[in-house]
Amino acid sequence: MRLIPFFASLFPLVLAAQYNGPESIEHDAVGMRYFVSNTGDNSIKQRDYDGAVTTFAANLPGAPYGIELQGDTLFACIDGGLRGYGTGDATEVFNLPLGGSFLNGLTSDGQFLYTTDFSTKKIYKVDPATLTFSTLVSNTGSTPNGIVWDAALDRLWVVFWGSNAKIKSYDRNTGAELSTFTTSLSNIDGVTLDCLGRILVSSWSPARVSAFENTFTAAPVTLASTGLNSPADLDFDEVNHVVCIPNSGNNTVTLAVVEGCATVVTQVMGKGTFEVCPNPTTGVLELGVDITSPTPFLVFNARGTLVASGHLSPKAQLDISNLAPGLYVIDVPSLGKSAKVLRR
């Protein structure tokens, strides 16, 4: 495990001032940057791949907690509701009060948003297109914190506050509890999924990021602990294979490289390649392959999970608008060729 701190240790006082209560982080593959919500000064910062930190949005109407990118809008939990900001100029484009008490975690399945209420132990489901919402889970039993959508297993993972904190999963349509696992950790704050499909969680005691297999049959692996202080809401950068960790206790953010991301994606990309257009895309792709009859294709996500398959027509077009935003590999096995595409 290699750690890439966001700050050079030579200038800790000056650079630490770039963040003020960093709570949540969100990787923006299209913009090649990371968004960081700051609860201490009601702002959202942005950090590019080269390390430069600037202000994305300032003087927000309240402290931003969970943030989530969906399309060209960055959503944030603020004052009992959700706000949305255009990724181009940070203009507010969405405002929906939910009547929440302390909205904390936030995730998206590409269409709906899901947010946890730390105080009332609820999970809300939000439809940004219609400005409507519903209570998906009326009582989680324990205090919910971070939340992440797992497309491969078709469920929401939620982590909980308190001693011997739990990791639970829920059906995104009915709100039914699908599984629960009790850890030896205290105060789990954030959760994300890595390139290997593992569940990554950040705990305050001990201060570390742990990786759990989704079957929970093996002991967790510690991915990061050095320099962490009250690590909060995580995200996984599937382009650079790093877990992004905001440290709310010392106003820093750390990137930890996840080793072993040589998944099916890497193996498939060892073949010949073809062009796709447009790339990035939000819908229909033109594939640069020459076929004369229906030809099988496979689509893998960044963790190497098969998410779609079928047959290409001689027009070699493929619609991936039903897939969640992220990085994918399209494989045409009979041609021995593949291509990477970014779904926005």
Protein backbone atom coordinates (compact mmCIF):
# COMPACT_ATOMS: atom_id res chain seq x y z
CA MET A 1 0.00 0.00 0.00
CA ARG A 2 1.43 3.33 -1.08
CA LEU A 3 0.13 6.56 0.40
CA ILE A 4 -0.01 9.78 -1.60
CA PRO A 5 -0.71 12.62 0.85
CA PHE A 6 -2.36 15.68 -0.57
CA PHE A 7 0.13 17.84 1.29
CA ALA A 8 3.92 17.95 1.25
CA SER A 9 5.13 17.48 4.82
CA LEU A 10 7.58 20.36 4.32
CA PHE A 11 4.74 22.89 4.50
CA PRO A 12 2.13 21.44 6.86
CA LEU A 13 0.77 24.70 8.26
CA VAL A 14 0.28 26.51 4.98
CA LEU A 15 -1.11 23.58 3.02
CA ALA A 16 -3.35 22.23 5.76
CA ALA A 17 -5.24 25.51 5.58
CA GLN A 18 -6.53 24.44 2.16
CA TYR A 19 -9.14 22.29 3.91
CA ASN A 20 -11.40 23.09 6.84
CA GLY A 21 -13.21 20.08 8.25
CA PRO A 22 -13.01 17.89 5.12
CA GLU A 23 -15.94 15.51 5.31
CA SER A 24 -16.55 13.88 1.94
CA ILE A 25 -14.58 13.40 -1.26
CA GLU A 26 -15.76 12.62 -4.79
CA HIS A 27 -13.60 11.70 -7.78
CA ASP A 28 -14.49 13.43 -11.07
CA ALA A 29 -12.97 11.32 -13.85
CA VAL A 30 -14.19 13.64 -16.61
CA GLY A 31 -12.76 16.76 -14.95
CA MET A 32 -9.65 14.88 -13.74
CA ARG A 33 -10.09 16.24 -10.22
CA TYR A 34 -11.41 15.50 -6.73
CA PHE A 35 -14.18 17.43 -4.97
CA VAL A 36 -13.85 17.81 -1.18
CA SER A 37 -16.69 19.09 1.03
CA ASN A 38 -15.60 21.29 3.94
CA THR A 39 -17.94 21.54 6.92
CA GLY A 40 -15.75 24.09 8.73
CA ASP A 41 -16.22 26.94 6.24
CA ASN A 42 -19.27 25.85 4.19
CA SER A 43 -17.31 25.27 1.01
CA ILE A 44 -16.41 22.63 -1.56
CA LYS A 45 -12.82 22.53 -2.77
CA GLN A 46 -11.43 20.91 -5.91
CA ARG A 47 -8.01 19.32 -6.27
CA ASP A 48 -6.61 18.45 -9.71
CA TYR A 49 -4.45 15.44 -10.49
CA ASP A 50 -1.32 17.59 -10.18
CA GLY A 51 -2.17 18.55 -6.60
CA ALA A 52 -3.40 22.13 -7.02
CA VAL A 53 -6.29 22.95 -4.65
CA THR A 54 -8.79 25.70 -5.46
CA THR A 55 -12.28 26.67 -4.32
CA PHE A 56 -15.13 25.15 -6.31
CA ALA A 57 -18.04 26.61 -4.32
CA ALA A 58 -17.91 28.98 -1.35
CA ASN A 59 -20.41 30.56 1.06
CA LEU A 60 -22.82 27.65 0.81
CA PRO A 61 -26.09 27.97 2.80
CA GLY A 62 -24.88 25.38 5.30
CA ALA A 63 -22.19 22.81 5.98
CA PRO A 64 -21.87 20.30 3.12
CA TYR A 65 -21.57 16.69 4.27
CA GLY A 66 -21.99 13.83 1.79
CA ILE A 67 -21.35 14.74 -1.85
CA GLU A 68 -22.07 12.70 -4.98
CA LEU A 69 -21.49 13.30 -8.67
CA GLN A 70 -24.29 12.40 -11.06
CA GLY A 71 -23.86 13.50 -14.65
CA ASP A 72 -22.74 17.12 -14.70
CA THR A 73 -24.16 17.92 -11.25
CA LEU A 74 -22.42 17.63 -7.89
CA PHE A 75 -25.03 16.96 -5.21
CA ALA A 76 -24.45 17.77 -1.53
CA CYS A 77 -26.23 17.12 1.76
CA ILE A 78 -26.89 20.57 3.24
CA ASP A 79 -29.29 21.61 6.00
CA GLY A 80 -31.74 18.72 5.87
CA GLY A 81 -31.96 18.65 2.08
CA LEU A 82 -30.00 18.19 -1.12
CA ARG A 83 -28.43 20.90 -3.23
CA GLY A 84 -26.87 20.44 -6.65
CA TYR A 85 -24.11 22.43 -8.34
CA GLY A 86 -23.12 22.42 -12.00
CA THR A 87 -19.63 20.99 -12.37
CA GLY A 88 -18.67 23.66 -14.88
CA ASP A 89 -19.19 26.84 -12.84
CA ALA A 90 -20.63 25.69 -9.48
CA THR A 91 -23.99 27.35 -10.21
CA GLU A 92 -26.74 25.96 -7.99
CA VAL A 93 -29.05 23.94 -10.24
CA PHE A 94 -30.89 21.79 -7.70
CA ASN A 95 -32.54 22.43 -4.32
CA LEU A 96 -34.82 19.91 -2.65
CA PRO A 97 -35.65 20.10 1.09
CA LEU A 98 -36.17 16.61 2.54
CA GLY A 99 -37.02 17.64 6.07
CA GLY A 100 -34.03 15.66 7.25
CA SER A 101 -32.37 16.17 10.61
CA PHE A 102 -28.72 15.37 9.81
CA LEU A 103 -28.25 14.11 6.26
CA ASN A 104 -24.80 12.58 6.07
CA GLY A 105 -23.99 9.91 3.46
CA LEU A 106 -24.94 10.20 -0.21
CA THR A 107 -24.73 7.87 -3.21
CA SER A 108 -26.25 7.40 -6.67
CA ASP A 109 -27.24 4.45 -8.87
CA GLY A 110 -27.10 6.67 -11.94
CA GLN A 111 -30.77 7.66 -11.71
CA PHE A 112 -31.76 7.99 -8.06
CA LEU A 113 -29.88 9.44 -5.09
CA TYR A 114 -29.85 7.77 -1.66
CA THR A 115 -28.99 9.63 1.53
CA THR A 116 -28.74 8.61 5.19
CA ASP A 117 -30.11 10.61 8.10
CA PHE A 118 -27.68 10.19 10.97
CA SER A 119 -30.09 11.49 13.61
CA THR A 120 -33.40 9.90 12.66
CA LYS A 121 -31.97 6.57 11.39
CA LYS A 122 -33.62 6.85 8.00
CA ILE A 123 -32.60 6.41 4.39
CA TYR A 124 -34.21 8.62 1.75
CA LYS A 125 -34.53 7.90 -1.97
CA VAL A 126 -34.52 10.96 -4.23
CA ASP A 127 -35.47 11.35 -7.89
CA PRO A 128 -33.61 14.46 -9.12
CA ALA A 129 -35.47 14.43 -12.44
CA THR A 130 -38.88 14.92 -10.81
CA LEU A 131 -37.81 16.74 -7.62
CA THR A 132 -39.49 14.05 -5.52
CA PHE A 133 -38.37 11.80 -2.70
CA SER A 134 -39.56 9.00 -0.45
CA THR A 135 -38.43 7.30 2.75
CA LEU A 136 -36.74 4.09 1.62
CA VAL A 137 -35.92 2.83 5.15
CA SER A 138 -37.88 4.27 8.05
CA ASN A 139 -35.69 2.84 10.80
CA THR A 140 -32.22 1.37 10.26
CA GLY A 141 -31.98 0.35 13.92
CA SER A 142 -28.44 1.68 14.34
CA THR A 143 -27.06 5.10 13.40
CA PRO A 144 -26.38 5.15 9.62
CA ASN A 145 -23.43 7.07 8.20
CA GLY A 146 -21.81 6.35 4.81
CA ILE A 147 -23.66 4.71 1.93
CA VAL A 148 -22.60 3.35 -1.48
CA TRP A 149 -24.41 1.73 -4.41
CA ASP A 150 -23.08 -1.67 -5.53
CA ALA A 151 -24.11 -2.25 -9.16
CA ALA A 152 -22.60 -5.74 -9.29
CA LEU A 153 -24.65 -7.07 -6.37
CA ASP A 154 -27.60 -4.71 -6.93
CA ARG A 155 -27.74 -3.37 -3.37
CA LEU A 156 -26.90 -0.40 -1.15
CA TRP A 157 -24.15 -0.84 1.45
CA VAL A 158 -24.53 1.28 4.60
CA VAL A 159 -22.04 1.63 7.46
CA PHE A 160 -22.93 2.57 11.01
CA TRP A 161 -21.70 4.66 13.94
CA GLY A 162 -20.99 3.29 17.42
CA SER A 163 -18.97 0.46 18.92
CA ASN A 164 -18.85 -2.90 17.12
CA ALA A 165 -20.20 -0.97 14.16
CA LYS A 166 -22.33 -2.77 11.58
CA ILE A 167 -22.18 -2.99 7.81
CA LYS A 168 -25.62 -3.60 6.31
CA SER A 169 -27.03 -3.90 2.81
CA TYR A 170 -30.46 -2.87 1.55
CA ASP A 171 -32.63 -3.37 -1.51
CA ARG A 172 -32.73 -0.06 -3.37
CA ASN A 173 -36.34 -0.58 -4.48
CA THR A 174 -38.09 -1.94 -1.39
CA GLY A 175 -35.70 -0.84 1.38
CA ALA A 176 -35.60 -4.41 2.69
CA GLU A 177 -32.52 -5.27 4.75
CA LEU A 178 -30.57 -7.90 2.81
CA SER A 179 -27.63 -8.56 5.11
CA THR A 180 -25.89 -7.37 8.26
CA PHE A 181 -22.37 -7.88 9.57
CA THR A 182 -20.99 -6.76 12.92
CA THR A 183 -17.38 -5.56 12.91
CA SER A 184 -14.86 -5.00 15.72
CA LEU A 185 -14.48 -1.37 14.60
CA SER A 186 -15.93 1.69 16.30
CA ASN A 187 -17.56 4.63 14.54
CA ILE A 188 -17.44 3.71 10.87
CA ASP A 189 -17.83 6.90 8.85
CA GLY A 190 -17.35 6.24 5.13
CA VAL A 191 -17.75 3.39 2.66
CA THR A 192 -16.81 2.77 -0.97
CA LEU A 193 -15.98 -0.15 -3.29
CA ASP A 194 -12.54 -0.76 -4.79
CA CYS A 195 -11.36 -2.28 -8.07
CA LEU A 196 -11.55 -5.78 -6.57
CA GLY A 197 -15.16 -5.39 -5.47
CA ARG A 198 -14.21 -5.18 -1.80
CA ILE A 199 -16.08 -2.99 0.68
CA LEU A 200 -13.74 -0.28 1.99
CA VAL A 201 -14.71 1.40 5.27
CA SER A 202 -13.15 4.20 7.30
CA SER A 203 -13.27 3.93 11.09
CA TRP A 204 -12.37 6.42 13.78
CA SER A 205 -11.29 3.77 16.28
CA PRO A 206 -8.87 2.55 15.15
CA ALA A 207 -8.24 5.33 12.63
CA ARG A 208 -7.85 3.31 9.47
CA VAL A 209 -9.37 2.15 6.20
CA SER A 210 -10.23 -1.55 6.13
CA ALA A 211 -11.17 -3.76 3.18
CA PHE A 212 -13.85 -6.45 3.62
CA GLU A 213 -14.80 -9.15 1.13
CA ASN A 214 -18.52 -8.80 0.40
CA THR A 215 -19.10 -12.31 1.78
CA PHE A 216 -17.38 -11.36 5.07
CA THR A 217 -15.83 -14.83 5.23
CA ALA A 218 -12.24 -13.57 5.51
CA ALA A 219 -10.61 -11.22 7.99
CA PRO A 220 -10.50 -7.57 6.83
CA VAL A 221 -7.30 -6.13 5.39
CA THR A 222 -5.94 -2.77 6.56
CA LEU A 223 -5.39 -0.57 3.51
CA ALA A 224 -4.32 2.65 5.22
CA SER A 225 -3.69 3.95 8.73
CA THR A 226 -0.63 6.21 8.67
CA GLY A 227 -1.55 9.88 9.06
CA LEU A 228 -5.27 9.20 9.27
CA ASN A 229 -7.26 11.21 11.81
CA SER A 230 -11.04 10.80 12.00
CA PRO A 231 -11.21 9.55 8.40
CA ALA A 232 -14.60 10.38 6.93
CA ASP A 233 -16.59 9.73 3.73
CA LEU A 234 -14.53 7.77 1.17
CA ASP A 235 -14.49 7.47 -2.60
CA PHE A 236 -12.58 5.21 -4.98
CA ASP A 237 -10.78 6.66 -8.00
CA GLU A 238 -11.13 3.85 -10.53
CA VAL A 239 -8.93 5.63 -13.06
CA ASN A 240 -5.83 5.83 -10.86
CA HIS A 241 -6.80 2.98 -8.50
CA VAL A 242 -6.65 4.97 -5.27
CA VAL A 243 -8.96 5.22 -2.28
CA CYS A 244 -9.58 8.88 -1.40
CA ILE A 245 -9.67 9.65 2.33
CA PRO A 246 -10.68 13.01 3.90
CA ASN A 247 -9.26 13.36 7.43
CA SER A 248 -11.74 15.51 9.31
CA GLY A 249 -9.55 15.45 12.42
CA ASN A 250 -6.43 17.11 10.96
CA ASN A 251 -7.70 18.92 7.85
CA THR A 252 -5.88 16.75 5.34
CA VAL A 253 -6.83 14.40 2.55
CA THR A 254 -4.89 11.27 1.64
CA LEU A 255 -4.79 9.10 -1.45
CA ALA A 256 -3.90 5.46 -0.83
CA VAL A 257 -2.99 3.35 -3.84
CA VAL A 258 -4.79 0.01 -3.91
CA GLU A 259 -2.43 -2.67 -5.17
CA GLY A 260 -3.61 -5.65 -7.17
CA CYS A 261 -6.03 -3.91 -9.49
CA ALA A 262 -4.94 -6.18 -12.36
CA THR A 263 -8.48 -7.48 -12.78
CA VAL A 264 -10.32 -8.80 -15.80
CA VAL A 265 -10.21 -5.25 -17.16
CA THR A 266 -6.42 -5.31 -17.34
CA GLN A 267 -6.41 -8.76 -18.89
CA VAL A 268 -8.95 -7.76 -21.52
CA MET A 269 -7.04 -4.58 -22.32
CA GLY A 270 -3.99 -6.71 -23.11
CA LYS A 271 -5.64 -7.52 -26.45
CA GLY A 272 -5.79 -5.31 -29.51
CA THR A 273 -7.86 -2.15 -29.24
CA PHE A 274 -10.44 -0.28 -31.29
CA GLU A 275 -11.81 3.26 -31.19
CA VAL A 276 -15.17 4.30 -29.74
CA CYS A 277 -16.96 7.56 -30.39
CA PRO A 278 -17.98 9.71 -28.60
CA ASN A 279 -15.77 9.06 -25.59
CA PRO A 280 -16.74 10.12 -22.89
CA THR A 281 -20.36 9.34 -23.66
CA THR A 282 -23.81 9.45 -22.09
CA GLY A 283 -25.50 7.06 -24.49
CA VAL A 284 -25.02 5.50 -27.93
CA LEU A 285 -21.50 4.59 -29.04
CA GLU A 286 -20.10 4.04 -32.51
CA LEU A 287 -17.60 1.17 -32.31
CA GLY A 288 -14.62 1.14 -34.66
CA VAL A 289 -14.95 -2.53 -35.57
CA ASP A 290 -15.69 -4.11 -38.94
CA ILE A 291 -18.36 -6.80 -38.62
CA THR A 292 -20.79 -8.27 -41.15
CA SER A 293 -22.98 -10.40 -38.88
CA PRO A 294 -24.26 -10.28 -35.27
CA THR A 295 -21.16 -10.45 -33.07
CA PRO A 296 -21.01 -11.15 -29.30
CA PHE A 297 -19.75 -8.40 -27.00
CA LEU A 298 -19.05 -8.11 -23.26
CA VAL A 299 -18.95 -5.01 -21.03
CA PHE A 300 -16.92 -4.97 -17.79
CA ASN A 301 -16.86 -2.26 -15.14
CA ALA A 302 -13.63 -1.00 -13.57
CA ARG A 303 -13.69 -3.79 -10.98
CA GLY A 304 -13.76 -6.44 -13.70
CA THR A 305 -17.41 -7.36 -13.13
CA LEU A 306 -19.43 -8.31 -16.21
CA VAL A 307 -22.27 -5.76 -16.36
CA ALA A 308 -23.66 -6.23 -19.89
CA SER A 309 -23.48 -8.59 -22.86
CA GLY A 310 -25.22 -9.23 -26.15
CA HIS A 311 -24.66 -9.12 -29.89
CA LEU A 312 -23.54 -6.18 -32.01
CA SER A 313 -25.33 -5.52 -35.27
CA PRO A 314 -23.31 -4.84 -38.44
CA LYS A 315 -23.79 -1.12 -37.70
CA ALA A 316 -21.55 -1.69 -34.64
CA GLN A 317 -23.50 0.61 -32.33
CA LEU A 318 -23.90 0.11 -28.59
CA ASP A 319 -26.17 1.94 -26.14
CA ILE A 320 -24.74 2.11 -22.61
CA SER A 321 -27.06 4.83 -21.28
CA ASN A 322 -28.49 2.35 -18.75
CA LEU A 323 -25.10 1.91 -17.06
CA ALA A 324 -24.07 4.02 -14.08
CA PRO A 325 -21.40 6.70 -14.68
CA GLY A 326 -17.91 5.23 -14.58
CA LEU A 327 -15.14 3.57 -16.54
CA TYR A 328 -15.96 0.49 -18.65
CA VAL A 329 -14.24 -1.91 -21.03
CA ILE A 330 -16.06 -3.18 -24.13
CA ASP A 331 -14.71 -6.51 -25.32
CA VAL A 332 -15.35 -8.19 -28.67
CA PRO A 333 -13.87 -11.66 -28.02
CA SER A 334 -14.12 -12.98 -31.59
CA LEU A 335 -11.99 -10.08 -32.84
CA GLY A 336 -9.56 -10.17 -29.93
CA LYS A 337 -10.11 -6.44 -29.45
CA SER A 338 -11.40 -4.16 -26.71
CA ALA A 339 -11.84 -0.47 -25.85
CA LYS A 340 -12.12 1.68 -22.76
CA VAL A 341 -15.01 4.11 -22.50
CA LEU A 342 -16.02 6.63 -19.85
CA ARG A 343 -19.76 6.78 -19.20
CA ARG A 344 -20.68 10.24 -17.90
